[in-house]
C-alpha atoms as a PDB file:
ATOM      1  CA  MET A   1    -108.595 106.205  41.702  1.00  0.00           C
ATOM      2  CA  SER A   2    -105.086 105.759  42.643  1.00  0.00           C
ATOM      3  CA  SER A   3    -106.143 104.103  45.983  1.00  0.00           C
ATOM      4  CA  LEU A   4    -108.458 101.639  43.698  1.00  0.00           C
ATOM      5  CA  ARG A   5    -105.385 100.433  41.748  1.00  0.00           C
ATOM      6  CA  GLU A   6    -103.492 100.205  44.565  1.00  0.00           C
ATOM      7  CA  LEU A   7    -105.875  97.914  46.275  1.00  0.00           C
ATOM      8  CA  GLU A   8    -106.386  96.124  42.753  1.00  0.00           C
ATOM      9  CA  ARG A   9    -102.387  95.401  42.619  1.00  0.00           C
ATOM     10  CA  ARG A  10    -102.340  94.058  46.496  1.00  0.00           C
ATOM     11  CA  TRP A  11    -105.220  91.844  45.725  1.00  0.00           C
ATOM     12  CA  VAL A  12    -103.379  90.200  42.832  1.00  0.00           C
ATOM     13  CA  ARG A  13    -100.108  89.786  44.687  1.00  0.00           C
ATOM     14  CA  VAL A  14    -102.276  88.031  47.426  1.00  0.00           C
ATOM     15  CA  PHE A  15    -103.985  86.012  45.086  1.00  0.00           C
ATOM     16  CA  SER A  16    -100.954  84.826  42.743  1.00  0.00           C
ATOM     17  CA  GLY A  17     -99.081  84.292  45.995  1.00  0.00           C
ATOM     18  CA  ARG A  18    -101.639  81.684  47.144  1.00  0.00           C
ATOM     19  CA  ILE A  19    -102.068  80.129  43.608  1.00  0.00           C
ATOM     20  CA  THR A  20     -98.199  79.687  43.420  1.00  0.00           C
ATOM     21  CA  THR A  21     -98.389  77.968  47.032  1.00  0.00           C
ATOM     22  CA  MET A  22    -100.869  75.820  46.035  1.00  0.00           C
ATOM     23  CA  LEU A  23     -99.482  74.837  42.879  1.00  0.00           C
ATOM     24  CA  ALA A  24     -96.185  74.040  44.904  1.00  0.00           C
ATOM     25  CA  GLY A  25     -97.900  71.863  47.071  1.00  0.00           C
ATOM     26  CA  MET A  26     -99.832  69.795  44.278  1.00  0.00           C
ATOM     27  CA  CYS A  27     -96.238  69.340  42.792  1.00  0.00           C
ATOM     28  CA  PHE A  28     -94.880  67.935  45.960  1.00  0.00           C
ATOM     29  CA  TRP A  29     -97.724  65.697  46.705  1.00  0.00           C
ATOM     30  CA  ALA A  30     -97.746  64.541  43.054  1.00  0.00           C
ATOM     31  CA  SER A  31     -93.993  63.648  43.454  1.00  0.00           C
ATOM     32  CA  LEU A  32     -94.432  61.853  46.748  1.00  0.00           C
ATOM     33  CA  SER A  33     -97.284  59.606  45.243  1.00  0.00           C
ATOM     34  CA  ALA A  34     -95.188  58.627  42.271  1.00  0.00           C
ATOM     35  CA  HIS A  35     -92.140  57.738  44.829  1.00  0.00           C
ATOM     36  CA  GLY A  36     -94.667  55.641  46.695  1.00  0.00           C
ATOM     37  CA  GLN A  37     -96.022  53.817  43.381  1.00  0.00           C
ATOM     38  CA  SER A  38     -92.315  53.252  42.380  1.00  0.00           C
ATOM     39  CA  ILE A  39     -91.568  51.735  45.555  1.00  0.00           C
ATOM     40  CA  ASN A  40     -94.662  49.556  45.306  1.00  0.00           C
ATOM     41  CA  ALA A  41     -93.855  48.437  41.575  1.00  0.00           C
ATOM     42  CA  VAL A  42     -90.561  47.072  42.889  1.00  0.00           C
ATOM     43  CA  PRO A  43     -91.294  43.286  43.089  1.00  0.00           C
ATOM     44  CA  ASN A  44     -90.519  41.076  46.537  1.00  0.00           C
ATOM     45  CA  THR A  45     -87.102  39.401  45.723  1.00  0.00           C
ATOM     46  CA  ARG A  46     -86.866  37.883  48.899  1.00  0.00           C
ATOM     47  CA  LEU A  47     -86.371  33.985  48.677  1.00  0.00           C
ATOM     48  CA  ASP A  48     -88.071  31.830  51.130  1.00  0.00           C
ATOM     49  CA  PRO A  49     -85.853  29.489  52.713  1.00  0.00           C
ATOM     50  CA  GLY A  50     -85.009  26.184  50.683  1.00  0.00           C
ATOM     51  CA  ILE A  51     -83.385  23.103  51.291  1.00  0.00           C
ATOM     52  CA  VAL A  52     -80.439  21.802  49.361  1.00  0.00           C
ATOM     53  CA  ALA A  53     -78.552  18.385  49.410  1.00  0.00           C
ATOM     54  CA  SER A  54     -74.928  18.126  50.616  1.00  0.00           C
ATOM     55  CA  ARG A  55     -72.377  15.457  50.814  1.00  0.00           C
ATOM     56  CA  PRO A  56     -71.867  14.486  54.622  1.00  0.00           C
ATOM     57  CA  ALA A  57     -68.535  14.485  56.355  1.00  0.00           C
ATOM     58  CA  SER A  58     -66.697  11.520  55.955  1.00  0.00           C
ATOM     59  CA  LEU A  59     -66.574   8.970  59.026  1.00  0.00           C
ATOM     60  CA  HIS A  60     -62.941  10.020  59.687  1.00  0.00           C
ATOM     61  CA  ASP A  61     -63.272  14.122  59.617  1.00  0.00           C
ATOM     62  CA  VAL A  62     -62.966  13.804  63.735  1.00  0.00           C
ATOM     63  CA  ASN A  63     -60.794  15.296  65.905  1.00  0.00           C
ATOM     64  CA  SER A  64     -59.927  12.311  67.526  1.00  0.00           C
ATOM     65  CA  GLU A  65     -60.481   8.527  67.401  1.00  0.00           C
ATOM     66  CA  SER A  66     -62.921   8.846  70.311  1.00  0.00           C
ATOM     67  CA  ASP A  67     -65.203  10.926  68.658  1.00  0.00           C
ATOM     68  CA  LEU A  68     -68.479   9.072  67.823  1.00  0.00           C
ATOM     69  CA  VAL A  69     -69.664   8.444  64.511  1.00  0.00           C
ATOM     70  CA  GLY A  70     -72.659   6.948  62.542  1.00  0.00           C
ATOM     71  CA  PRO A  71     -76.093   5.751  63.687  1.00  0.00           C
ATOM     72  CA  ALA A  72     -74.811   3.532  66.216  1.00  0.00           C
ATOM     73  CA  LYS A  73     -72.965   6.172  67.822  1.00  0.00           C
ATOM     74  CA  GLN A  74     -69.806   4.447  67.939  1.00  0.00           C
ATOM     75  CA  PRO A  75     -66.015   5.600  67.971  1.00  0.00           C
ATOM     76  CA  GLU A  76     -64.299   6.464  64.865  1.00  0.00           C
ATOM     77  CA  TRP A  77     -61.586   3.923  66.030  1.00  0.00           C
ATOM     78  CA  THR A  78     -64.241   0.817  65.500  1.00  0.00           C
ATOM     79  CA  THR A  79     -64.933   1.531  61.744  1.00  0.00           C
ATOM     80  CA  ARG A  80     -62.084  -0.036  60.411  1.00  0.00           C
ATOM     81  CA  ARG A  81     -59.930  -2.976  60.986  1.00  0.00           C
ATOM     82  CA  VAL A  82     -58.109  -2.365  63.927  1.00  0.00           C
ATOM     83  CA  PHE A  83     -56.726  -6.084  64.923  1.00  0.00           C
ATOM     84  CA  ALA A  84     -55.073  -8.869  63.223  1.00  0.00           C
ATOM     85  CA  GLU A  85     -56.929 -11.901  64.575  1.00  0.00           C
ATOM     86  CA  THR A  86     -59.300 -10.302  66.488  1.00  0.00           C
ATOM     87  CA  ASP A  87     -62.770  -8.537  65.199  1.00  0.00           C
ATOM     88  CA  ILE A  88     -64.673  -6.153  66.700  1.00  0.00           C
ATOM     89  CA  TYR A  89     -68.204  -4.718  66.680  1.00  0.00           C
ATOM     90  CA  VAL A  90     -69.574  -3.688  62.779  1.00  0.00           C
ATOM     91  CA  ILE A  91     -68.633  -1.063  60.494  1.00  0.00           C
ATOM     92  CA  PRO A  92     -71.309   1.709  59.866  1.00  0.00           C
ATOM     93  CA  PRO A  93     -74.213   1.387  57.101  1.00  0.00           C
ATOM     94  CA  GLY A  94     -72.973   2.201  53.653  1.00  0.00           C
ATOM     95  CA  ALA A  95     -69.341   1.838  54.425  1.00  0.00           C
ATOM     96  CA  ILE A  96     -67.266  -0.556  52.528  1.00  0.00           C
ATOM     97  CA  GLU A  97     -63.774  -2.079  53.604  1.00  0.00           C
ATOM     98  CA  PHE A  98     -61.234  -3.955  52.110  1.00  0.00           C
ATOM     99  CA  ASN A  99     -58.394  -5.737  53.834  1.00  0.00           C
ATOM    100  CA  GLN A 100     -55.420  -8.105  52.538  1.00  0.00           C
ATOM    101  CA  PHE A 101     -53.579 -10.235  54.542  1.00  0.00           C
ATOM    102  CA  TYR A 102     -50.411 -11.537  53.940  1.00  0.00           C
ATOM    103  CA  VAL A 103     -49.932 -14.500  56.418  1.00  0.00           C
ATOM    104  CA  PRO A 104     -46.051 -16.521  56.595  1.00  0.00           C
ATOM    105  CA  THR A 105     -46.091 -19.307  59.135  1.00  0.00           C
ATOM    106  CA  VAL A 106     -42.878 -20.805  60.310  1.00  0.00           C
ATOM    107  CA  PRO A 107     -43.750 -24.269  61.454  1.00  0.00           C
ATOM    108  CA  ARG A 108     -41.394 -26.060  64.062  1.00  0.00           C
ATOM    109  CA  SER A 109     -40.380 -28.367  61.660  1.00  0.00           C
ATOM    110  CA  GLY A 110     -40.735 -28.485  57.871  1.00  0.00           C
ATOM    111  CA  THR A 111     -40.644 -25.710  55.121  1.00  0.00           C
ATOM    112  CA  MET A 112     -42.240 -22.166  55.787  1.00  0.00           C
ATOM    113  CA  GLU A 113     -46.101 -21.633  54.420  1.00  0.00           C
ATOM    114  CA  HIS A 114     -47.660 -18.453  52.622  1.00  0.00           C
ATOM    115  CA  ALA A 115     -51.248 -17.669  52.877  1.00  0.00           C
ATOM    116  CA  PHE A 116     -53.272 -14.870  51.651  1.00  0.00           C
ATOM    117  CA  GLU A 117     -56.831 -13.591  52.680  1.00  0.00           C
ATOM    118  CA  SER A 118     -58.865 -10.899  51.120  1.00  0.00           C
ATOM    119  CA  GLU A 119     -61.775  -9.693  53.199  1.00  0.00           C
ATOM    120  CA  LEU A 120     -64.340  -7.706  51.849  1.00  0.00           C
ATOM    121  CA  GLU A 121     -66.850  -5.965  54.530  1.00  0.00           C
ATOM    122  CA  PHE A 122     -70.200  -4.098  53.780  1.00  0.00           C
ATOM    123  CA  GLY A 123     -71.736  -2.157  56.694  1.00  0.00           C
ATOM    124  CA  LEU A 124     -75.873  -2.725  56.596  1.00  0.00           C
ATOM    125  CA  PRO A 125     -78.334  -1.098  58.650  1.00  0.00           C
ATOM    126  CA  TRP A 126     -79.384  -2.123  61.751  1.00  0.00           C
ATOM    127  CA  ARG A 127     -75.874  -2.530  63.069  1.00  0.00           C
ATOM    128  CA  THR A 128     -75.504  -5.477  60.861  1.00  0.00           C
ATOM    129  CA  GLN A 129     -72.622  -6.497  58.448  1.00  0.00           C
ATOM    130  CA  PHE A 130     -71.801  -8.937  55.569  1.00  0.00           C
ATOM    131  CA  ASP A 131     -68.112 -10.383  54.818  1.00  0.00           C
ATOM    132  CA  VAL A 132     -66.851 -12.418  52.271  1.00  0.00           C
ATOM    133  CA  GLU A 133     -63.304 -13.797  52.681  1.00  0.00           C
ATOM    134  CA  PRO A 134     -61.454 -15.646  49.725  1.00  0.00           C
ATOM    135  CA  ASN A 135     -58.282 -17.459  51.018  1.00  0.00           C
ATOM    136  CA  TYR A 136     -55.681 -18.812  49.115  1.00  0.00           C
ATOM    137  CA  SER A 137     -51.929 -19.973  49.536  1.00  0.00           C
ATOM    138  CA  VAL A 138     -48.726 -20.671  47.693  1.00  0.00           C
ATOM    139  CA  THR A 139     -47.221 -24.215  47.987  1.00  0.00           C
ATOM    140  CA  ASN A 140     -44.106 -25.219  46.244  1.00  0.00           C
ATOM    141  CA  GLY A 141     -44.428 -22.122  43.849  1.00  0.00           C
ATOM    142  CA  ARG A 142     -48.007 -22.704  43.010  1.00  0.00           C
ATOM    143  CA  LEU A 143     -51.002 -20.861  43.697  1.00  0.00           C
ATOM    144  CA  ARG A 144     -53.529 -22.591  45.459  1.00  0.00           C
ATOM    145  CA  TYR A 145     -57.195 -21.797  46.232  1.00  0.00           C
ATOM    146  CA  ASP A 146     -57.980 -22.769  50.020  1.00  0.00           C
ATOM    147  CA  SER A 147     -61.580 -21.917  50.951  1.00  0.00           C
ATOM    148  CA  THR A 148     -64.226 -18.967  50.958  1.00  0.00           C
ATOM    149  CA  ARG A 149     -65.907 -17.650  54.041  1.00  0.00           C
ATOM    150  CA  VAL A 150     -68.877 -15.746  54.321  1.00  0.00           C
ATOM    151  CA  GLU A 151     -70.269 -14.268  57.832  1.00  0.00           C
ATOM    152  CA  ILE A 152     -72.773 -11.991  58.946  1.00  0.00           C
ATOM    153  CA  PRO A 153     -71.830  -9.967  62.613  1.00  0.00           C
ATOM    154  CA  HIS A 154     -74.426  -8.322  64.319  1.00  0.00           C
ATOM    155  CA  ALA A 155     -74.089  -5.629  67.101  1.00  0.00           C
ATOM    156  CA  LEU A 156     -76.669  -6.208  69.895  1.00  0.00           C
ATOM    157  CA  ALA A 157     -76.907  -2.681  70.603  1.00  0.00           C
ATOM    158  CA  ASN A 158     -75.577   0.915  69.912  1.00  0.00           C
ATOM    159  CA  TRP A 159     -71.926   1.652  71.264  1.00  0.00           C
ATOM    160  CA  ASN A 160     -71.784   1.955  75.202  1.00  0.00           C
ATOM    161  CA  GLU A 161     -75.274   0.553  76.083  1.00  0.00           C
ATOM    162  CA  ILE A 162     -74.001  -2.590  76.706  1.00  0.00           C
ATOM    163  CA  PRO A 163     -70.847  -3.671  78.687  1.00  0.00           C
ATOM    164  CA  LEU A 164     -68.164  -4.786  76.272  1.00  0.00           C
ATOM    165  CA  ASN A 165     -70.422  -4.100  73.294  1.00  0.00           C
ATOM    166  CA  PRO A 166     -71.208  -7.806  72.074  1.00  0.00           C
ATOM    167  CA  THR A 167     -71.518  -8.583  68.765  1.00  0.00           C
ATOM    168  CA  ILE A 168     -72.813 -12.177  67.558  1.00  0.00           C
ATOM    169  CA  ASP A 169     -71.531 -13.546  64.232  1.00  0.00           C
ATOM    170  CA  GLY A 170     -72.148 -16.714  62.336  1.00  0.00           C
ATOM    171  CA  GLY A 171     -70.991 -18.050  58.914  1.00  0.00           C
ATOM    172  CA  TRP A 172     -70.029 -20.663  56.440  1.00  0.00           C
ATOM    173  CA  ARG A 173     -66.539 -21.753  55.035  1.00  0.00           C
ATOM    174  CA  VAL A 174     -66.556 -23.031  51.633  1.00  0.00           C
ATOM    175  CA  GLN A 175     -63.302 -25.329  51.278  1.00  0.00           C
ATOM    176  CA  THR A 176     -61.652 -26.583  48.567  1.00  0.00           C
ATOM    177  CA  ASP A 177     -60.150 -30.000  49.511  1.00  0.00           C
ATOM    178  CA  GLU A 178     -61.972 -31.059  52.854  1.00  0.00           C
ATOM    179  CA  ALA A 179     -65.598 -30.838  53.932  1.00  0.00           C
ATOM    180  CA  ASP A 180     -67.225 -27.394  54.804  1.00  0.00           C
ATOM    181  CA  ALA A 181     -67.532 -26.231  58.002  1.00  0.00           C
ATOM    182  CA  PHE A 182     -69.941 -23.383  59.853  1.00  0.00           C
ATOM    183  CA  PHE A 183     -68.812 -21.299  62.812  1.00  0.00           C
ATOM    184  CA  PHE A 184     -70.367 -18.915  65.382  1.00  0.00           C
ATOM    185  CA  ARG A 185     -68.496 -16.146  67.302  1.00  0.00           C
ATOM    186  CA  LEU A 186     -68.902 -13.665  70.139  1.00  0.00           C
ATOM    187  CA  LEU A 187     -66.932 -10.477  69.513  1.00  0.00           C
ATOM    188  CA  LEU A 188     -66.396  -7.790  72.200  1.00  0.00           C
ATOM    189  CA  ALA A 189     -64.913  -4.582  72.375  1.00  0.00           C
ATOM    190  CA  GLU A 190     -64.079  -1.657  74.624  1.00  0.00           C
ATOM    191  CA  GLU A 191     -62.469   1.441  75.146  1.00  0.00           C
ATOM    192  CA  PHE A 192     -60.682   1.902  78.431  1.00  0.00           C
ATOM    193  CA  GLY A 193     -60.005   5.702  78.061  1.00  0.00           C
ATOM    194  CA  PRO A 194     -59.338   7.611  74.893  1.00  0.00           C
ATOM    195  CA  ARG A 195     -56.217   5.920  74.183  1.00  0.00           C
ATOM    196  CA  VAL A 196     -56.637   1.994  74.902  1.00  0.00           C
ATOM    197  CA  HIS A 197     -58.694  -0.129  73.000  1.00  0.00           C
ATOM    198  CA  PHE A 198     -59.737  -3.800  73.705  1.00  0.00           C
ATOM    199  CA  GLY A 199     -60.945  -6.525  71.657  1.00  0.00           C
ATOM    200  CA  ALA A 200     -61.811 -10.309  72.257  1.00  0.00           C
ATOM    201  CA  ASN A 201     -63.280 -13.083  70.506  1.00  0.00           C
ATOM    202  CA  LEU A 202     -64.763 -16.422  71.516  1.00  0.00           C
ATOM    203  CA  THR A 203     -65.212 -18.799  68.533  1.00  0.00           C
ATOM    204  CA  TYR A 204     -66.664 -22.241  68.007  1.00  0.00           C
ATOM    205  CA  ASP A 205     -65.949 -23.891  64.646  1.00  0.00           C
ATOM    206  CA  ARG A 206     -67.093 -27.281  63.407  1.00  0.00           C
ATOM    207  CA  GLN A 207     -66.179 -29.037  60.119  1.00  0.00           C
ATOM    208  CA  VAL A 208     -69.649 -30.812  58.665  1.00  0.00           C
ATOM    209  CA  GLY A 209     -67.758 -33.777  57.567  1.00  0.00           C
ATOM    210  CA  ASP A 210     -64.483 -35.858  56.707  1.00  0.00           C
ATOM    211  CA  GLU A 211     -62.904 -35.773  59.971  1.00  0.00           C
ATOM    212  CA  HIS A 212     -65.400 -33.411  61.672  1.00  0.00           C
ATOM    213  CA  GLU A 213     -62.693 -31.282  63.040  1.00  0.00           C
ATOM    214  CA  THR A 214     -63.870 -28.924  65.799  1.00  0.00           C
ATOM    215  CA  SER A 215     -62.059 -26.039  67.287  1.00  0.00           C
ATOM    216  CA  TYR A 216     -62.376 -23.807  70.404  1.00  0.00           C
ATOM    217  CA  GLU A 217     -60.924 -20.395  69.939  1.00  0.00           C
ATOM    218  CA  PHE A 218     -60.334 -17.172  72.098  1.00  0.00           C
ATOM    219  CA  SER A 219     -58.451 -14.334  70.826  1.00  0.00           C
ATOM    220  CA  MET A 220     -57.611 -11.057  72.656  1.00  0.00           C
ATOM    221  CA  ALA A 221     -56.122  -7.769  71.773  1.00  0.00           C
ATOM    222  CA  LEU A 222     -54.968  -4.467  73.220  1.00  0.00           C
ATOM    223  CA  SER A 223     -53.489  -1.556  71.809  1.00  0.00           C
ATOM    224  CA  TYR A 224     -52.422   1.872  72.750  1.00  0.00           C
ATOM    225  CA  VAL A 225     -52.750   4.559  70.561  1.00  0.00           C
ATOM    226  CA  VAL A 226     -49.448   6.649  70.099  1.00  0.00           C
ATOM    227  CA  LYS A 227     -50.316   9.389  67.972  1.00  0.00           C
ATOM    228  CA  ASP A 228     -54.393  10.106  67.381  1.00  0.00           C
ATOM    229  CA  SER A 229     -55.312   8.749  63.887  1.00  0.00           C
ATOM    230  CA  LYS A 230     -51.796   8.047  62.982  1.00  0.00           C
ATOM    231  CA  LEU A 231     -50.316   4.850  65.130  1.00  0.00           C
ATOM    232  CA  ALA A 232     -51.233   2.487  67.718  1.00  0.00           C
ATOM    233  CA  VAL A 233     -49.020  -0.507  69.379  1.00  0.00           C
ATOM    234  CA  GLY A 234     -49.967  -3.256  71.402  1.00  0.00           C
ATOM    235  CA  MET A 235     -50.085  -6.850  71.660  1.00  0.00           C
ATOM    236  CA  GLU A 236     -52.241  -9.969  70.823  1.00  0.00           C
ATOM    237  CA  ALA A 237     -52.916 -13.414  71.740  1.00  0.00           C
ATOM    238  CA  LEU A 238     -54.512 -16.455  70.496  1.00  0.00           C
ATOM    239  CA  PHE A 239     -55.413 -19.536  72.058  1.00  0.00           C
ATOM    240  CA  GLU A 240     -57.099 -22.545  70.595  1.00  0.00           C
ATOM    241  CA  TYR A 241     -58.012 -26.033  71.166  1.00  0.00           C
ATOM    242  CA  GLU A 242     -58.785 -28.283  68.364  1.00  0.00           C
ATOM    243  CA  THR A 243     -60.314 -31.981  68.031  1.00  0.00           C
ATOM    244  CA  LYS A 244     -60.585 -34.383  64.916  1.00  0.00           C
ATOM    245  CA  GLN A 245     -61.102 -38.104  64.374  1.00  0.00           C
ATOM    246  CA  GLY A 246     -58.176 -39.955  63.647  1.00  0.00           C
ATOM    247  CA  ASP A 247     -57.847 -42.240  60.560  1.00  0.00           C
ATOM    248  CA  ASP A 248     -58.219 -45.240  62.881  1.00  0.00           C
ATOM    249  CA  PRO A 249     -61.270 -45.294  64.919  1.00  0.00           C
ATOM    250  CA  ASP A 250     -59.849 -47.334  67.723  1.00  0.00           C
ATOM    251  CA  GLU A 251     -57.322 -44.595  68.258  1.00  0.00           C
ATOM    252  CA  GLY A 252     -60.282 -42.070  69.233  1.00  0.00           C
ATOM    253  CA  SER A 253     -59.829 -38.380  68.524  1.00  0.00           C
ATOM    254  CA  ILE A 254     -56.694 -36.312  68.098  1.00  0.00           C
ATOM    255  CA  HIS A 255     -56.271 -33.144  70.042  1.00  0.00           C
ATOM    256  CA  SER A 256     -53.984 -30.460  70.038  1.00  0.00           C
ATOM    257  CA  THR A 257     -53.686 -27.141  71.881  1.00  0.00           C
ATOM    258  CA  SER A 258     -51.985 -23.861  70.525  1.00  0.00           C
ATOM    259  CA  ALA A 259     -51.110 -20.513  72.188  1.00  0.00           C
ATOM    260  CA  MET A 260     -49.390 -17.690  70.542  1.00  0.00           C
ATOM    261  CA  ILE A 261     -48.659 -14.027  71.751  1.00  0.00           C
ATOM    262  CA  GLY A 262     -46.938 -11.045  70.141  1.00  0.00           C
ATOM    263  CA  PRO A 263     -46.501  -7.632  69.582  1.00  0.00           C
ATOM    264  CA  SER A 264     -48.577  -5.591  66.930  1.00  0.00           C
ATOM    265  CA  LEU A 265     -48.692  -2.230  65.406  1.00  0.00           C
ATOM    266  CA  LEU A 266     -51.166  -0.355  63.335  1.00  0.00           C
ATOM    267  CA  TYR A 267     -50.119   2.494  61.399  1.00  0.00           C
ATOM    268  CA  LYS A 268     -52.673   5.139  59.180  1.00  0.00           C
ATOM    269  CA  PRO A 269     -50.806   6.820  56.303  1.00  0.00           C
ATOM    270  CA  THR A 270     -54.257   8.441  55.243  1.00  0.00           C
ATOM    271  CA  ARG A 271     -57.798   8.857  56.342  1.00  0.00           C
ATOM    272  CA  ASN A 272     -58.987   6.035  54.444  1.00  0.00           C
ATOM    273  CA  THR A 273     -56.045   3.304  54.555  1.00  0.00           C
ATOM    274  CA  HIS A 274     -54.405   1.533  57.561  1.00  0.00           C
ATOM    275  CA  VAL A 275     -51.496  -0.853  57.202  1.00  0.00           C
ATOM    276  CA  GLY A 276     -50.642  -3.290  60.168  1.00  0.00           C
ATOM    277  CA  LEU A 277     -47.966  -5.956  61.430  1.00  0.00           C
ATOM    278  CA  VAL A 278     -48.693  -8.385  64.043  1.00  0.00           C
ATOM    279  CA  THR A 279     -46.165 -11.270  64.792  1.00  0.00           C
ATOM    280  CA  LEU A 280     -46.967 -14.236  67.040  1.00  0.00           C
ATOM    281  CA  PHE A 281     -44.690 -16.725  68.572  1.00  0.00           C
ATOM    282  CA  GLY A 282     -45.764 -20.225  69.664  1.00  0.00           C
ATOM    283  CA  VAL A 283     -45.822 -20.715  73.396  1.00  0.00           C
ATOM    284  CA  THR A 284     -47.005 -24.474  73.392  1.00  0.00           C
ATOM    285  CA  HIS A 285     -45.526 -27.698  71.235  1.00  0.00           C
ATOM    286  CA  ASP A 286     -48.430 -27.626  68.847  1.00  0.00           C
ATOM    287  CA  ALA A 287     -48.334 -23.839  68.037  1.00  0.00           C
ATOM    288  CA  PRO A 288     -45.983 -22.855  65.027  1.00  0.00           C
ATOM    289  CA  ALA A 289     -42.614 -21.206  66.121  1.00  0.00           C
ATOM    290  CA  MET A 290     -43.620 -18.069  64.398  1.00  0.00           C
ATOM    291  CA  GLN A 291     -46.745 -16.542  62.581  1.00  0.00           C
ATOM    292  CA  ALA A 292     -47.141 -13.081  61.241  1.00  0.00           C
ATOM    293  CA  PHE A 293     -49.964 -10.834  59.768  1.00  0.00           C
ATOM    294  CA  VAL A 294     -49.095  -8.508  57.223  1.00  0.00           C
ATOM    295  CA  LEU A 295     -52.217  -6.042  56.836  1.00  0.00           C
ATOM    296  CA  PHE A 296     -53.244  -3.605  54.150  1.00  0.00           C
ATOM    297  CA  GLY A 297     -56.715  -2.209  54.108  1.00  0.00           C
ATOM    298  CA  MET A 298     -58.797   0.758  52.703  1.00  0.00           C
ATOM    299  CA  ASP A 299     -62.411   1.595  53.102  1.00  0.00           C
ATOM    300  CA  PHE A 300     -64.642   3.705  51.297  1.00  0.00           C
ATOM    301  CA  GLU A 301     -67.949   5.663  51.892  1.00  0.00           C
ATOM    302  CA  PRO A 302     -69.816   5.795  48.488  1.00  0.00           C
ATOM    303  CA  PHE A 303     -73.310   5.462  50.393  1.00  0.00           C
ATOM    304  CA  GLY A 304     -72.955   7.661  53.201  1.00  0.00           C
ATOM    305  CA  GLY A 305     -71.352   7.804  56.599  1.00  0.00           C
ATOM    306  CA  GLY A 306     -70.687  11.126  58.075  1.00  0.00           C
ATOM    307  CA  LYS A 307     -70.169  12.379  61.508  1.00  0.00           C
ATOM    308  CA  SER A 308     -72.819  12.201  64.217  1.00  0.00           C
ATOM    309  CA  GLY A 309     -71.057  13.616  66.958  1.00  0.00           C
ATOM    310  CA  LYS A 310     -72.197  13.209  70.838  1.00  0.00           C
ATOM    311  CA  GLY A 311     -75.744  13.706  71.222  1.00  0.00           C
ATOM    312  CA  GLY A 312     -76.378  13.844  67.541  1.00  0.00           C
ATOM    313  CA  ASP A 313     -79.259  12.983  65.977  1.00  0.00           C
ATOM    314  CA  ASP A 314     -79.544   9.781  63.909  1.00  0.00           C
ATOM    315  CA  HIS A 315     -80.441  11.604  60.510  1.00  0.00           C
ATOM    316  CA  ASP A 316     -77.222  13.430  60.925  1.00  0.00           C
ATOM    317  CA  ALA A 317     -75.173  10.043  60.525  1.00  0.00           C
ATOM    318  CA  GLY A 318     -75.297   9.464  56.990  1.00  0.00           C
ATOM    319  CA  GLY A 319     -76.992   9.993  53.530  1.00  0.00           C
ATOM    320  CA  PHE A 320     -77.508  13.527  52.246  1.00  0.00           C
ATOM    321  CA  GLN A 321     -77.526  16.240  54.789  1.00  0.00           C
ATOM    322  CA  PRO A 322     -80.208  19.264  54.667  1.00  0.00           C
ATOM    323  CA  VAL A 323     -78.427  22.729  54.473  1.00  0.00           C
ATOM    324  CA  ARG A 324     -80.568  25.855  54.568  1.00  0.00           C
ATOM    325  CA  ARG A 325     -80.009  28.593  52.276  1.00  0.00           C
ATOM    326  CA  PRO A 326     -79.543  32.111  54.107  1.00  0.00           C
ATOM    327  CA  ARG A 327     -82.532  34.358  53.570  1.00  0.00           C
END
């Protein structure tokens, strides 16, 4: 009897132990299943890559004036007025530049003359530019409007694809007290090393009435960058041959030859402003004794601009740049 009870107690212990083990296992698997469901219940919060719009850097955000910017891959120094009497290349599309000139002239005889030129330039696509330039003067203390000049320069190729980077330019000058005139120009520009800048213009200018004044002009400029993006010094020269009909038809045409040369200085107080001074001295009898060009200019980039960089793609040069969000 005692042995039967002992056997019953052993069987109960074994059975209860197995039941406990099974219950523990079931609880363990149930907990794992519940944990897995909670993990799977968490939604996928990873964001797919997206595109946001960001303003490009300014044309003048460069390490050196020789850095290439804009769709035409042109050096930064060509994106603003760099010489007084010599134009070069074109400004990038979307850029706007304003230049104000004060031009005092000391003739070999007579009183000093004061002229003012306001130049507004608009950079257009396809290496094209539109310029409008009102001209006025002060005579005997009275302000006098002289003329308005309109022109469209066009660069023949991207920078450095053609030697001297030629730009063709044509325009019309509406004059107040004289017949209007048209003109054609060839603009040349080159960079001889990172600090030496060169420009030259060949101009044909013809009046459509009155005395039919015609001029052939050659201007040349050379500058050296003393401090990058701040200060440049150099020289400019201007040579002009001019003819016109005299009052007496029997006397034939009247002609004159003018040559001037002098030092130049260009200072950039801020990234978007520049101040220049050129003083030309006459070396021929027909030229004035002295003529100076005092310049203040500033440029804007309301429609783009931006740095392209050497070897950069055209879409990196203007408009709004795509920026990828991090994952």
